[in-house]
Amino acid sequence: MLLALHISAAIAGILTSTYSAIFPSAYKIRLAGGLVVLTLLSGTVIIIEKHLGLVSACVSGLIYVGFTAVSLMIASRRLTD
């Protein structure tokens, strides 16, 4: 159940951050940020609970956070312009 929440939050976070980069709004930026936090928290719980390898999880997490952070920075800049 937690894994399904984690995957759903990650996909929704990627879609929302990409959409907010194209059509920026303060609400979408906050929503995408919340989904990123939910993804990171659920990923942390999964790693602790299942004793998974930290290196592979961290690489995947850094790629995810990097992509969404860039998308949200673009959205923020477009919103202020």
PDB file of N, CA and C in Angstrom:
ATOM      1  N   MET A   1       0.825  -1.192   0.000  1.00  0.00           N
ATOM      2  CA  MET A   1       0.000   0.000   0.000  1.00  0.00           C
ATOM      3  C   MET A   1       0.870   1.257   0.000  1.00  0.00           C
ATOM      4  N   LEU A   2       1.917   1.247   0.819  1.00  0.00           N
ATOM      5  CA  LEU A   2       2.807   2.402   0.890  1.00  0.00           C
ATOM      6  C   LEU A   2       3.563   2.584  -0.426  1.00  0.00           C
ATOM      7  N   LEU A   3       3.934   1.477  -1.053  1.00  0.00           N
ATOM      8  CA  LEU A   3       4.635   1.561  -2.325  1.00  0.00           C
ATOM      9  C   LEU A   3       3.736   2.170  -3.402  1.00  0.00           C
ATOM     10  N   ALA A   4       2.464   1.808  -3.402  1.00  0.00           N
ATOM     11  CA  ALA A   4       1.523   2.386  -4.363  1.00  0.00           C
ATOM     12  C   ALA A   4       1.363   3.885  -4.134  1.00  0.00           C
ATOM     13  N   LEU A   5       1.302   4.305  -2.888  1.00  0.00           N
ATOM     14  CA  LEU A   5       1.225   5.728  -2.564  1.00  0.00           C
ATOM     15  C   LEU A   5       2.486   6.443  -3.028  1.00  0.00           C
ATOM     16  N   HIS A   6       3.637   5.826  -2.791  1.00  0.00           N
ATOM     17  CA  HIS A   6       4.922   6.406  -3.177  1.00  0.00           C
ATOM     18  C   HIS A   6       4.999   6.597  -4.698  1.00  0.00           C
ATOM     19  N   ILE A   7       4.653   5.579  -5.439  1.00  0.00           N
ATOM     20  CA  ILE A   7       4.711   5.655  -6.902  1.00  0.00           C
ATOM     21  C   ILE A   7       3.699   6.665  -7.429  1.00  0.00           C
ATOM     22  N   SER A   8       2.502   6.653  -6.877  1.00  0.00           N
ATOM     23  CA  SER A   8       1.462   7.607  -7.315  1.00  0.00           C
ATOM     24  C   SER A   8       1.877   9.042  -7.024  1.00  0.00           C
ATOM     25  N   ALA A   9       2.434   9.285  -5.851  1.00  0.00           N
ATOM     26  CA  ALA A   9       2.875  10.629  -5.490  1.00  0.00           C
ATOM     27  C   ALA A   9       4.020  11.083  -6.384  1.00  0.00           C
ATOM     28  N   ALA A  10       4.932  10.166  -6.708  1.00  0.00           N
ATOM     29  CA  ALA A  10       6.063  10.517  -7.571  1.00  0.00           C
ATOM     30  C   ALA A  10       5.596  10.874  -8.977  1.00  0.00           C
ATOM     31  N   ILE A  11       4.723  10.066  -9.535  1.00  0.00           N
ATOM     32  CA  ILE A  11       4.220  10.344 -10.880  1.00  0.00           C
ATOM     33  C   ILE A  11       3.412  11.631 -10.895  1.00  0.00           C
ATOM     34  N   ALA A  12       2.562  11.810  -9.904  1.00  0.00           N
ATOM     35  CA  ALA A  12       1.779  13.042  -9.821  1.00  0.00           C
ATOM     36  C   ALA A  12       2.679  14.255  -9.629  1.00  0.00           C
ATOM     37  N   GLY A  13       3.755  14.104  -8.857  1.00  0.00           N
ATOM     38  CA  GLY A  13       4.703  15.194  -8.652  1.00  0.00           C
ATOM     39  C   GLY A  13       5.414  15.590  -9.935  1.00  0.00           C
ATOM     40  N   ILE A  14       5.821  14.588 -10.714  1.00  0.00           N
ATOM     41  CA  ILE A  14       6.478  14.873 -11.995  1.00  0.00           C
ATOM     42  C   ILE A  14       5.501  15.562 -12.944  1.00  0.00           C
ATOM     43  N   LEU A  15       4.296  15.046 -13.045  1.00  0.00           N
ATOM     44  CA  LEU A  15       3.294  15.642 -13.942  1.00  0.00           C
ATOM     45  C   LEU A  15       2.918  17.056 -13.505  1.00  0.00           C
ATOM     46  N   THR A  16       2.720  17.244 -12.218  1.00  0.00           N
ATOM     47  CA  THR A  16       2.324  18.556 -11.712  1.00  0.00           C
ATOM     48  C   THR A  16       3.442  19.578 -11.871  1.00  0.00           C
ATOM     49  N   SER A  17       4.671  19.176 -11.599  1.00  0.00           N
ATOM     50  CA  SER A  17       5.772  20.128 -11.745  1.00  0.00           C
ATOM     51  C   SER A  17       6.008  20.481 -13.211  1.00  0.00           C
ATOM     52  N   THR A  18       5.872  19.516 -14.090  1.00  0.00           N
ATOM     53  CA  THR A  18       6.006  19.795 -15.524  1.00  0.00           C
ATOM     54  C   THR A  18       4.887  20.709 -15.998  1.00  0.00           C
ATOM     55  N   TYR A  19       3.658  20.414 -15.587  1.00  0.00           N
ATOM     56  CA  TYR A  19       2.513  21.235 -15.969  1.00  0.00           C
ATOM     57  C   TYR A  19       2.648  22.650 -15.418  1.00  0.00           C
ATOM     58  N   SER A  20       3.161  22.777 -14.198  1.00  0.00           N
ATOM     59  CA  SER A  20       3.314  24.112 -13.618  1.00  0.00           C
ATOM     60  C   SER A  20       4.439  24.890 -14.285  1.00  0.00           C
ATOM     61  N   ALA A  21       5.419  24.194 -14.866  1.00  0.00           N
ATOM     62  CA  ALA A  21       6.466  24.891 -15.613  1.00  0.00           C
ATOM     63  C   ALA A  21       5.903  25.460 -16.911  1.00  0.00           C
ATOM     64  N   ILE A  22       4.919  24.774 -17.482  1.00  0.00           N
ATOM     65  CA  ILE A  22       4.311  25.236 -18.731  1.00  0.00           C
ATOM     66  C   ILE A  22       3.235  26.282 -18.449  1.00  0.00           C
ATOM     67  N   PHE A  23       2.384  26.014 -17.483  1.00  0.00           N
ATOM     68  CA  PHE A  23       1.298  26.919 -17.094  1.00  0.00           C
ATOM     69  C   PHE A  23       1.427  27.230 -15.604  1.00  0.00           C
ATOM     70  N   PRO A  24       2.293  28.171 -15.232  1.00  0.00           N
ATOM     71  CA  PRO A  24       2.582  28.391 -13.810  1.00  0.00           C
ATOM     72  C   PRO A  24       1.430  29.034 -13.035  1.00  0.00           C
ATOM     73  N   SER A  25       1.287  28.585 -11.808  1.00  0.00           N
ATOM     74  CA  SER A  25       0.398  29.225 -10.836  1.00  0.00           C
ATOM     75  C   SER A  25       0.933  28.876  -9.449  1.00  0.00           C
ATOM     76  N   ALA A  26       0.651  29.739  -8.508  1.00  0.00           N
ATOM     77  CA  ALA A  26       1.142  29.521  -7.144  1.00  0.00           C
ATOM     78  C   ALA A  26       0.576  28.230  -6.556  1.00  0.00           C
ATOM     79  N   TYR A  27      -0.673  27.936  -6.844  1.00  0.00           N
ATOM     80  CA  TYR A  27      -1.309  26.726  -6.323  1.00  0.00           C
ATOM     81  C   TYR A  27      -0.611  25.473  -6.848  1.00  0.00           C
ATOM     82  N   LYS A  28      -0.332  25.425  -8.149  1.00  0.00           N
ATOM     83  CA  LYS A  28       0.316  24.250  -8.730  1.00  0.00           C
ATOM     84  C   LYS A  28       1.736  24.070  -8.201  1.00  0.00           C
ATOM     85  N   ILE A  29       2.425  25.174  -7.960  1.00  0.00           N
ATOM     86  CA  ILE A  29       3.781  25.088  -7.415  1.00  0.00           C
ATOM     87  C   ILE A  29       3.737  24.518  -5.999  1.00  0.00           C
ATOM     88  N   ARG A  30       2.802  24.985  -5.178  1.00  0.00           N
ATOM     89  CA  ARG A  30       2.660  24.443  -3.818  1.00  0.00           C
ATOM     90  C   ARG A  30       2.248  22.978  -3.846  1.00  0.00           C
ATOM     91  N   LEU A  31       1.338  22.631  -4.734  1.00  0.00           N
ATOM     92  CA  LEU A  31       0.881  21.247  -4.853  1.00  0.00           C
ATOM     93  C   LEU A  31       2.032  20.326  -5.251  1.00  0.00           C
ATOM     94  N   ALA A  32       2.800  20.737  -6.244  1.00  0.00           N
ATOM     95  CA  ALA A  32       3.938  19.928  -6.681  1.00  0.00           C
ATOM     96  C   ALA A  32       4.970  19.799  -5.559  1.00  0.00           C
ATOM     97  N   GLY A  33       5.211  20.870  -4.833  1.00  0.00           N
ATOM     98  CA  GLY A  33       6.137  20.813  -3.700  1.00  0.00           C
ATOM     99  C   GLY A  33       5.654  19.845  -2.634  1.00  0.00           C
ATOM    100  N   GLY A  34       4.378  19.856  -2.354  1.00  0.00           N
ATOM    101  CA  GLY A  34       3.812  18.917  -1.386  1.00  0.00           C
ATOM    102  C   GLY A  34       3.943  17.471  -1.838  1.00  0.00           C
ATOM    103  N   LEU A  35       3.744  17.238  -3.138  1.00  0.00           N
ATOM    104  CA  LEU A  35       3.895  15.881  -3.664  1.00  0.00           C
ATOM    105  C   LEU A  35       5.346  15.411  -3.596  1.00  0.00           C
ATOM    106  N   VAL A  36       6.280  16.327  -3.801  1.00  0.00           N
ATOM    107  CA  VAL A  36       7.703  15.981  -3.679  1.00  0.00           C
ATOM    108  C   VAL A  36       8.013  15.590  -2.234  1.00  0.00           C
ATOM    109  N   VAL A  37       7.523  16.353  -1.277  1.00  0.00           N
ATOM    110  CA  VAL A  37       7.748  16.036   0.136  1.00  0.00           C
ATOM    111  C   VAL A  37       7.113  14.689   0.484  1.00  0.00           C
ATOM    112  N   LEU A  38       5.889  14.447   0.001  1.00  0.00           N
ATOM    113  CA  LEU A  38       5.226  13.168   0.259  1.00  0.00           C
ATOM    114  C   LEU A  38       6.026  12.010  -0.331  1.00  0.00           C
ATOM    115  N   THR A  39       6.553  12.204  -1.518  1.00  0.00           N
ATOM    116  CA  THR A  39       7.361  11.160  -2.157  1.00  0.00           C
ATOM    117  C   THR A  39       8.629  10.878  -1.351  1.00  0.00           C
ATOM    118  N   LEU A  40       9.300  11.933  -0.915  1.00  0.00           N
ATOM    119  CA  LEU A  40      10.527  11.742  -0.132  1.00  0.00           C
ATOM    120  C   LEU A  40      10.246  11.064   1.206  1.00  0.00           C
ATOM    121  N   LEU A  41       9.174  11.477   1.871  1.00  0.00           N
ATOM    122  CA  LEU A  41       8.835  10.858   3.153  1.00  0.00           C
ATOM    123  C   LEU A  41       8.449   9.393   2.994  1.00  0.00           C
ATOM    124  N   SER A  42       7.620   9.096   2.007  1.00  0.00           N
ATOM    125  CA  SER A  42       7.220   7.696   1.814  1.00  0.00           C
ATOM    126  C   SER A  42       8.413   6.850   1.375  1.00  0.00           C
ATOM    127  N   GLY A  43       9.309   7.412   0.576  1.00  0.00           N
ATOM    128  CA  GLY A  43      10.521   6.689   0.187  1.00  0.00           C
ATOM    129  C   GLY A  43      11.413   6.390   1.374  1.00  0.00           C
ATOM    130  N   THR A  44      11.529   7.346   2.270  1.00  0.00           N
ATOM    131  CA  THR A  44      12.325   7.136   3.481  1.00  0.00           C
ATOM    132  C   THR A  44      11.739   6.018   4.332  1.00  0.00           C
ATOM    133  N   VAL A  45      10.425   6.012   4.474  1.00  0.00           N
ATOM    134  CA  VAL A  45       9.777   4.949   5.259  1.00  0.00           C
ATOM    135  C   VAL A  45       9.976   3.595   4.591  1.00  0.00           C
ATOM    136  N   ILE A  46       9.876   3.543   3.271  1.00  0.00           N
ATOM    137  CA  ILE A  46      10.076   2.276   2.556  1.00  0.00           C
ATOM    138  C   ILE A  46      11.499   1.768   2.753  1.00  0.00           C
ATOM    139  N   ILE A  47      12.482   2.657   2.655  1.00  0.00           N
ATOM    140  CA  ILE A  47      13.884   2.254   2.842  1.00  0.00           C
ATOM    141  C   ILE A  47      14.097   1.700   4.247  1.00  0.00           C
ATOM    142  N   ILE A  48      13.558   2.380   5.253  1.00  0.00           N
ATOM    143  CA  ILE A  48      13.729   1.938   6.640  1.00  0.00           C
ATOM    144  C   ILE A  48      12.993   0.620   6.881  1.00  0.00           C
ATOM    145  N   GLU A  49      11.777   0.530   6.361  1.00  0.00           N
ATOM    146  CA  GLU A  49      10.944  -0.637   6.607  1.00  0.00           C
ATOM    147  C   GLU A  49      11.468  -1.889   5.903  1.00  0.00           C
ATOM    148  N   LYS A  50      11.919  -1.743   4.676  1.00  0.00           N
ATOM    149  CA  LYS A  50      12.320  -2.899   3.875  1.00  0.00           C
ATOM    150  C   LYS A  50      13.822  -3.142   3.874  1.00  0.00           C
ATOM    151  N   HIS A  51      14.589  -2.271   4.518  1.00  0.00           N
ATOM    152  CA  HIS A  51      16.049  -2.390   4.568  1.00  0.00           C
ATOM    153  C   HIS A  51      16.647  -2.457   3.161  1.00  0.00           C
ATOM    154  N   LEU A  52      16.203  -1.536   2.302  1.00  0.00           N
ATOM    155  CA  LEU A  52      16.681  -1.502   0.920  1.00  0.00           C
ATOM    156  C   LEU A  52      18.025  -0.801   0.828  1.00  0.00           C
ATOM    157  N   GLY A  53      18.674  -0.989  -0.308  1.00  0.00           N
ATOM    158  CA  GLY A  53      19.964  -0.354  -0.537  1.00  0.00           C
ATOM    159  C   GLY A  53      19.812   1.154  -0.647  1.00  0.00           C
ATOM    160  N   LEU A  54      20.563   1.852   0.156  1.00  0.00           N
ATOM    161  CA  LEU A  54      20.458   3.303   0.220  1.00  0.00           C
ATOM    162  C   LEU A  54      21.016   3.984  -1.031  1.00  0.00           C
ATOM    163  N   VAL A  55      22.051   3.411  -1.623  1.00  0.00           N
ATOM    164  CA  VAL A  55      22.706   4.048  -2.766  1.00  0.00           C
ATOM    165  C   VAL A  55      21.763   4.130  -3.961  1.00  0.00           C
ATOM    166  N   SER A  56      21.115   3.036  -4.323  1.00  0.00           N
ATOM    167  CA  SER A  56      20.216   3.055  -5.475  1.00  0.00           C
ATOM    168  C   SER A  56      19.003   3.945  -5.214  1.00  0.00           C
ATOM    169  N   ALA A  57      18.516   3.939  -3.991  1.00  0.00           N
ATOM    170  CA  ALA A  57      17.376   4.788  -3.651  1.00  0.00           C
ATOM    171  C   ALA A  57      17.768   6.262  -3.699  1.00  0.00           C
ATOM    172  N   CYS A  58      18.965   6.574  -3.237  1.00  0.00           N
ATOM    173  CA  CYS A  58      19.415   7.963  -3.237  1.00  0.00           C
ATOM    174  C   CYS A  58      19.639   8.486  -4.650  1.00  0.00           C
ATOM    175  N   VAL A  59      20.173   7.666  -5.518  1.00  0.00           N
ATOM    176  CA  VAL A  59      20.386   8.094  -6.903  1.00  0.00           C
ATOM    177  C   VAL A  59      19.041   8.379  -7.568  1.00  0.00           C
ATOM    178  N   SER A  60      18.101   7.471  -7.402  1.00  0.00           N
ATOM    179  CA  SER A  60      16.768   7.682  -7.973  1.00  0.00           C
ATOM    180  C   SER A  60      16.108   8.918  -7.376  1.00  0.00           C
ATOM    181  N   GLY A  61      16.243   9.079  -6.078  1.00  0.00           N
ATOM    182  CA  GLY A  61      15.652  10.234  -5.400  1.00  0.00           C
ATOM    183  C   GLY A  61      16.273  11.539  -5.843  1.00  0.00           C
ATOM    184  N   LEU A  62      17.587  11.552  -6.037  1.00  0.00           N
ATOM    185  CA  LEU A  62      18.257  12.771  -6.496  1.00  0.00           C
ATOM    186  C   LEU A  62      17.833  13.146  -7.911  1.00  0.00           C
ATOM    187  N   ILE A  63      17.675  12.161  -8.769  1.00  0.00           N
ATOM    188  CA  ILE A  63      17.198  12.442 -10.129  1.00  0.00           C
ATOM    189  C   ILE A  63      15.785  13.010 -10.079  1.00  0.00           C
ATOM    190  N   TYR A  64      14.921  12.400  -9.271  1.00  0.00           N
ATOM    191  CA  TYR A  64      13.540  12.868  -9.131  1.00  0.00           C
ATOM    192  C   TYR A  64      13.489  14.290  -8.575  1.00  0.00           C
ATOM    193  N   VAL A  65      14.202  14.518  -7.487  1.00  0.00           N
ATOM    194  CA  VAL A  65      14.196  15.845  -6.865  1.00  0.00           C
ATOM    195  C   VAL A  65      14.831  16.873  -7.794  1.00  0.00           C
ATOM    196  N   GLY A  66      15.887  16.492  -8.494  1.00  0.00           N
ATOM    197  CA  GLY A  66      16.520  17.414  -9.437  1.00  0.00           C
ATOM    198  C   GLY A  66      15.575  17.837 -10.550  1.00  0.00           C
ATOM    199  N   PHE A  67      14.874  16.883 -11.133  1.00  0.00           N
ATOM    200  CA  PHE A  67      13.936  17.200 -12.210  1.00  0.00           C
ATOM    201  C   PHE A  67      12.808  18.093 -11.717  1.00  0.00           C
ATOM    202  N   THR A  68      12.209  17.717 -10.598  1.00  0.00           N
ATOM    203  CA  THR A  68      11.090  18.511 -10.096  1.00  0.00           C
ATOM    204  C   THR A  68      11.549  19.886  -9.617  1.00  0.00           C
ATOM    205  N   ALA A  69      12.739  19.968  -9.034  1.00  0.00           N
ATOM    206  CA  ALA A  69      13.245  21.272  -8.575  1.00  0.00           C
ATOM    207  C   ALA A  69      13.474  22.210  -9.756  1.00  0.00           C
ATOM    208  N   VAL A  70      14.052  21.699 -10.826  1.00  0.00           N
ATOM    209  CA  VAL A  70      14.262  22.533 -12.013  1.00  0.00           C
ATOM    210  C   VAL A  70      12.923  22.975 -12.590  1.00  0.00           C
ATOM    211  N   SER A  71      11.975  22.067 -12.675  1.00  0.00           N
ATOM    212  CA  SER A  71      10.649  22.419 -13.188  1.00  0.00           C
ATOM    213  C   SER A  71       9.984  23.486 -12.328  1.00  0.00           C
ATOM    214  N   LEU A  72      10.105  23.351 -11.018  1.00  0.00           N
ATOM    215  CA  LEU A  72       9.473  24.323 -10.125  1.00  0.00           C
ATOM    216  C   LEU A  72      10.196  25.659 -10.143  1.00  0.00           C
ATOM    217  N   MET A  73      11.513  25.667 -10.352  1.00  0.00           N
ATOM    218  CA  MET A  73      12.232  26.939 -10.494  1.00  0.00           C
ATOM    219  C   MET A  73      11.799  27.654 -11.769  1.00  0.00           C
ATOM    220  N   ILE A  74      11.631  26.900 -12.840  1.00  0.00           N
ATOM    221  CA  ILE A  74      11.151  27.488 -14.095  1.00  0.00           C
ATOM    222  C   ILE A  74       9.756  28.066 -13.890  1.00  0.00           C
ATOM    223  N   ALA A  75       8.894  27.323 -13.215  1.00  0.00           N
ATOM    224  CA  ALA A  75       7.533  27.797 -12.960  1.00  0.00           C
ATOM    225  C   ALA A  75       7.543  29.062 -12.106  1.00  0.00           C
ATOM    226  N   SER A  76       8.373  29.095 -11.094  1.00  0.00           N
ATOM    227  CA  SER A  76       8.446  30.267 -10.224  1.00  0.00           C
ATOM    228  C   SER A  76       8.927  31.505 -10.984  1.00  0.00           C
ATOM    229  N   ARG A  77       9.937  31.303 -11.816  1.00  0.00           N
ATOM    230  CA  ARG A  77      10.438  32.431 -12.603  1.00  0.00           C
ATOM    231  C   ARG A  77       9.413  32.922 -13.613  1.00  0.00           C
ATOM    232  N   ARG A  78       8.729  32.006 -14.248  1.00  0.00           N
ATOM    233  CA  ARG A  78       7.698  32.392 -15.218  1.00  0.00           C
ATOM    234  C   ARG A  78       6.523  33.080 -14.522  1.00  0.00           C
ATOM    235  N   LEU A  79       6.241  32.669 -13.298  1.00  0.00           N
ATOM    236  CA  LEU A  79       5.135  33.271 -12.565  1.00  0.00           C
ATOM    237  C   LEU A  79       5.449  34.701 -12.155  1.00  0.00           C
ATOM    238  N   THR A  80       6.708  34.971 -11.799  1.00  0.00           N
ATOM    239  CA  THR A  80       7.076  36.326 -11.370  1.00  0.00           C
ATOM    240  C   THR A  80       7.298  37.283 -12.543  1.00  0.00           C
ATOM    241  N   ASP A  81       7.509  36.747 -13.733  1.00  0.00           N
ATOM    242  CA  ASP A  81       7.707  37.615 -14.907  1.00  0.00           C
ATOM    243  C   ASP A  81       6.412  38.163 -15.446  1.00  0.00           C
TER     244      ASP A  81
END
